[in-house]
Amino acid sequence: MSKRPIRERLSRDGVRPSRKLGQNFLADEGVAAWIAEQIRPGLGDCVLEVGPGTGALTRHVAGRVRRLVLLEYDHRLAAALRHEFGEVGGVDVVEADAARWDFRGLFKEGPVKLLGNLPYSSGAAILRRFLARPSPVGEAVFMLQKEFVDRMVAEPRTKAYGAMSVRIQSEWEVERLRDIPPDVFVPRPAVDSSVVRLRPLAAGTYAPFDAGLFNGLVSRGFAQRRKQMHKQMPGGVDRWRDVAGALGVSWMARAEELSPGQWIELARLYDAHPLKDRPQDAGEVLDVVNEADEVTGSGRRDEIHRDGLRHRAVHAFVFNRKGELLLQRRSAAKDNHPGLWDSSAAGHLDSGENYAGAVVRELEEELGIREVGVVRCGVLEASELNGMEHVHLYLARWDGNPDFPCSEVDAVLWMPVEEAGAWLAARPMDFAPGFRMCWEVWRRGGGVVPE
């Protein structure tokens, strides 16, 4: 679609491009086709297009993927998109603000491909929304203001390098694909644009780190970027000297001198959680039990797992006042089921410990939850399907912000129960086996949500 048809269409739909909304519509068919091809649309894919506008990119994706969600803020453009693509199979038009839209329903679609010509006015907010951990996105191709992309790909000790560079590069592989001149848009913007591709970093690229603590430290470091970091970091100069020495940087270093990897290590050094470096303890002593869950001896955790001996564990489902279930994603450092989603909290019983005491301890250690009532929901007998664990499942009601060790838990997510069930049904491989079995126990027990 060229500039004249774009103008005619906008006039027909009663749309006057808004500078406030950053509405600059792509009017070059060749550029649109090239951008759409960068996500390699496939029949099994779910694609979310943010800000489809007049459908320049949409036309090159619709009908080629399993599901295409068009997320459009302008109600006039959303209506026009429904008129044009409403009969195309798998296309859904959603009228919403992308910076606020609840995307939790996308997790059941598998790794989603994200596509968009993002408005200059809200590009940063949209990226924060969709790229923050945990994200359902497996790949993203965006067109943004060139200056913005310059910051995304910037290297340390450069003018463009800042907090956004560090945050994005700590989680994503960023690749600038192409610069786009302003004369392919209606209306013509005053700046150049760039197309960028993002993919999640491979598991194990960096050691596990607390994303919340990391973001807070990055904000402090770049708040006044010309100041030396010993004036910005917590704990005073003496603490910073120790941290700088461990990082191998000058104690007079500024924020822009540290690479994303060094920022991650900095966050790990400031992390005071006692379990930050212990995803599991191979030497912890557990009780060995028989089919009737009677103690017959004890042994080291690693030996019990190696020999397939029966032992004890607890799982907890934590619900908030909205009835949402708290899910945790297991750290990539875990020896069993790394990176999979699991119950709110779960763990083994220590030798001599009872089930009720163990679940209280696990809730505190894994989520920072204290002084909360728990109710036993059901029991799983030990079998090869659940790692030879006798499991007691407990329910709890809690509203708060979880505090978890990064070595054990990569991320948490409050999920509506209906969406959790749909996700589990669509993609059981995303979840640890123990959670899948506990979910069935909970459902057979009536799916009770504690009040």
Foldseek 3Di string as FASTA:
>chain_A
DADVVVVVVCVVLVHDDDVLQLDWAFGDLVVLLVLLCVLVQAALAEEEEEACQQPSNVVNHFLHYVAYEYEHQDVSSLVNCCVVCVPGPRYHYHHDDLLDDDPLLCLLSAAHEYEYAHRQNCPVSNCCRAVPPPHSHAKYKYKYFPLVLCLCCPAFPDPSDALNVLLQVLFKDKDWDAKAAQPRIVVRDPGIITIMMIGTDDAPPAAFFDSVLLSVLRCQQRVPQVAFCQVRDPDHLVLLVVLCVVLVHDSRHGSSRDGSRSSRVSRVSVDPQPCQPPQDDQAFKFFFADQVRHGDGIGGNVVCLVVLTATAKEAEWEAEPVRWTKKFAWDCLHPPNHRAIAHNWMDGAGYPGDHVVRVQVRCCAAFVDHDWDKDWQDWDGADVLQSNYTYIYIYTYDDDHTDGHRSTTRDMDGGRPVSVVSSCVSCVVRHHSVRVVVVVSCVVSPVDHDD
